[in-house]
Amino acid sequence: MSDTAEVSFVGPYVSSQRVHWDQLDLLGVLHNSAYPVLFERARTGFWRAIGLGGYGDEKMDWPYLVARNEVNYRAPIKSEQDVEVSVWIAKLGGSSLTFAHEVRRADRTVAADGQTVIVRIDADTQRPTRWSSGFREMLAPYIKA
């Protein structure tokens, strides 16, 4: 792919997930610690949907670490229900990758949004290292500028 080629955003990956009773706090609201898990499950589904097998998959530019999680709580999830978690790539840096997430309740209200930043590292030095050109090209259609 040429540096000048434009790639159209194909849209977010949407993960259907279930909120269970054991994820609710004493007030009957989805516990704040559950949202990063919803985000991670959506990212795992995204990786699989684009043909990556998971940890150790050479096409995945493994290893990487989560460097940052951000959750903005917009409206409470007050019961067991099905939710949709959308994920897309907000930014692809030299060695970092920022995912954007949005959680929608069963009634389609946005319950939370946020971002997760992962950083590719060298397995031996544990220092950041650049994403490969093949990995960057594979992710280009999933970047929403």
Protein backbone atom coordinates (compact mmCIF):
# COMPACT_ATOMS: atom_id res chain seq x y z
CA MET A 1 0.00 0.00 0.00
CA SER A 2 1.37 3.40 -0.91
CA ASP A 3 1.80 6.14 1.65
CA THR A 4 -0.64 8.30 -0.31
CA ALA A 5 -3.40 5.70 -0.65
CA GLU A 6 -6.58 6.51 1.22
CA VAL A 7 -8.35 3.74 3.09
CA SER A 8 -12.01 4.10 4.03
CA PHE A 9 -13.14 3.37 7.57
CA VAL A 10 -15.18 0.15 7.50
CA GLY A 11 -17.03 0.91 10.73
CA PRO A 12 -16.69 -0.25 14.30
CA TYR A 13 -16.68 -3.85 15.43
CA VAL A 14 -19.75 -4.48 17.59
CA SER A 15 -19.62 -7.09 20.34
CA SER A 16 -22.88 -8.34 21.87
CA GLN A 17 -22.32 -9.17 25.53
CA ARG A 18 -24.41 -10.06 28.55
CA VAL A 19 -24.31 -8.20 31.88
CA HIS A 20 -24.85 -10.76 34.63
CA TRP A 21 -26.14 -10.39 38.17
CA ASP A 22 -22.69 -11.05 39.69
CA GLN A 23 -21.31 -7.95 37.92
CA LEU A 24 -23.75 -5.62 39.70
CA ASP A 25 -22.79 -3.78 42.89
CA LEU A 26 -24.86 -3.44 46.07
CA LEU A 27 -26.97 -0.71 44.44
CA GLY A 28 -27.82 -2.99 41.52
CA VAL A 29 -25.60 -1.04 39.10
CA LEU A 30 -22.94 -2.54 36.88
CA HIS A 31 -19.72 -2.23 38.90
CA ASN A 32 -17.21 0.28 37.55
CA SER A 33 -14.51 -2.41 37.29
CA ALA A 34 -16.63 -4.40 34.81
CA TYR A 35 -16.34 -1.83 32.01
CA PRO A 36 -12.66 -2.48 31.16
CA VAL A 37 -13.54 -6.19 30.95
CA LEU A 38 -16.34 -5.38 28.49
CA PHE A 39 -13.82 -3.32 26.50
CA GLU A 40 -11.29 -6.15 26.48
CA ARG A 41 -13.82 -8.74 25.37
CA ALA A 42 -14.81 -6.46 22.48
CA ARG A 43 -11.15 -5.99 21.48
CA THR A 44 -10.64 -9.77 21.55
CA GLY A 45 -13.65 -10.19 19.28
CA PHE A 46 -12.27 -7.48 16.99
CA TRP A 47 -8.90 -9.26 16.70
CA ARG A 48 -10.63 -12.53 15.84
CA ALA A 49 -12.97 -10.85 13.34
CA ILE A 50 -10.03 -9.52 11.34
CA GLY A 51 -8.33 -12.92 11.30
CA LEU A 52 -5.91 -12.72 14.20
CA GLY A 53 -5.71 -15.73 16.45
CA GLY A 54 -4.66 -14.21 19.74
CA TYR A 55 -1.57 -14.24 21.89
CA GLY A 56 1.50 -15.40 20.03
CA ASP A 57 -0.01 -14.92 16.56
CA GLU A 58 2.91 -13.61 14.50
CA LYS A 59 0.60 -11.40 12.40
CA MET A 60 -0.43 -9.65 15.61
CA ASP A 61 2.95 -8.00 16.35
CA TRP A 62 2.95 -9.67 19.76
CA PRO A 63 3.84 -8.86 22.51
CA TYR A 64 2.05 -5.72 23.59
CA LEU A 65 0.88 -4.33 26.94
CA VAL A 66 -2.05 -2.22 28.03
CA ALA A 67 -0.58 1.17 28.91
CA ARG A 68 -3.78 3.02 29.76
CA ASN A 69 -7.51 2.50 30.29
CA GLU A 70 -10.03 5.34 30.41
CA VAL A 71 -13.72 4.92 31.17
CA ASN A 72 -16.30 7.71 31.06
CA TYR A 73 -19.50 6.65 32.82
CA ARG A 74 -22.50 8.19 31.03
CA ALA A 75 -25.60 6.31 32.28
CA PRO A 76 -25.90 3.41 34.72
CA ILE A 77 -26.63 -0.15 33.69
CA LYS A 78 -29.09 -1.17 36.41
CA SER A 79 -29.94 -4.76 35.64
CA GLU A 80 -28.93 -7.93 33.90
CA GLN A 81 -29.23 -7.23 30.19
CA ASP A 82 -27.65 -7.57 26.80
CA VAL A 83 -25.34 -4.72 25.85
CA GLU A 84 -23.44 -3.79 22.73
CA VAL A 85 -19.80 -2.76 22.94
CA SER A 86 -18.43 -1.03 19.87
CA VAL A 87 -14.69 -0.80 19.29
CA TRP A 88 -12.60 0.91 16.65
CA ILE A 89 -9.08 2.26 16.33
CA ALA A 90 -8.85 5.94 17.19
CA LYS A 91 -5.11 6.30 16.62
CA LEU A 92 -2.21 4.18 15.41
CA GLY A 93 1.12 5.58 16.58
CA GLY A 94 4.65 4.33 16.08
CA SER A 95 4.47 1.77 18.89
CA SER A 96 1.07 2.58 20.42
CA LEU A 97 -2.48 1.83 19.39
CA THR A 98 -5.51 3.61 20.84
CA PHE A 99 -8.83 1.79 20.80
CA ALA A 100 -12.08 3.71 21.32
CA HIS A 101 -15.00 1.92 22.98
CA GLU A 102 -18.68 2.62 23.49
CA VAL A 103 -21.09 0.58 25.62
CA ARG A 104 -24.81 0.78 24.86
CA ARG A 105 -27.51 -0.51 27.16
CA ALA A 106 -30.39 -2.66 25.88
CA ASP A 107 -32.43 0.53 25.37
CA ARG A 108 -29.56 1.89 23.14
CA THR A 109 -28.52 4.57 25.67
CA VAL A 110 -24.77 5.10 25.83
CA ALA A 111 -23.77 3.77 29.25
CA ALA A 112 -20.03 4.42 28.91
CA ASP A 113 -17.30 5.26 26.48
CA GLY A 114 -13.56 5.33 26.75
CA GLN A 115 -10.22 4.36 25.36
CA THR A 116 -7.54 1.75 25.83
CA VAL A 117 -3.97 2.31 24.74
CA ILE A 118 -1.76 -0.68 24.00
CA VAL A 119 1.97 -0.50 23.32
CA ARG A 120 4.00 -3.02 21.37
CA ILE A 121 7.16 -4.03 23.21
CA ASP A 122 10.30 -5.96 22.45
CA ALA A 123 10.09 -9.26 24.36
CA ASP A 124 13.75 -9.16 25.39
CA THR A 125 14.23 -5.50 26.33
CA GLN A 126 10.63 -4.80 27.45
CA ARG A 127 10.95 -1.45 25.63
CA PRO A 128 8.50 -0.05 23.07
CA THR A 129 9.09 -1.09 19.48
CA ARG A 130 7.39 -0.04 16.24
CA TRP A 131 4.42 -1.83 14.74
CA SER A 132 5.34 -3.65 11.53
CA SER A 133 4.24 -2.24 8.17
CA GLY A 134 2.13 -5.36 7.54
CA PHE A 135 0.28 -4.89 10.84
CA ARG A 136 -0.27 -1.20 10.09
CA GLU A 137 -1.68 -1.99 6.65
CA MET A 138 -3.98 -4.65 8.08
CA LEU A 139 -5.42 -2.17 10.62
CA ALA A 140 -5.79 0.82 8.25
CA PRO A 141 -9.48 0.17 7.38
CA TYR A 142 -10.40 0.12 11.10
CA ILE A 143 -8.95 3.54 11.97
CA LYS A 144 -11.56 6.24 12.49
CA ALA A 145 -9.89 9.62 12.31
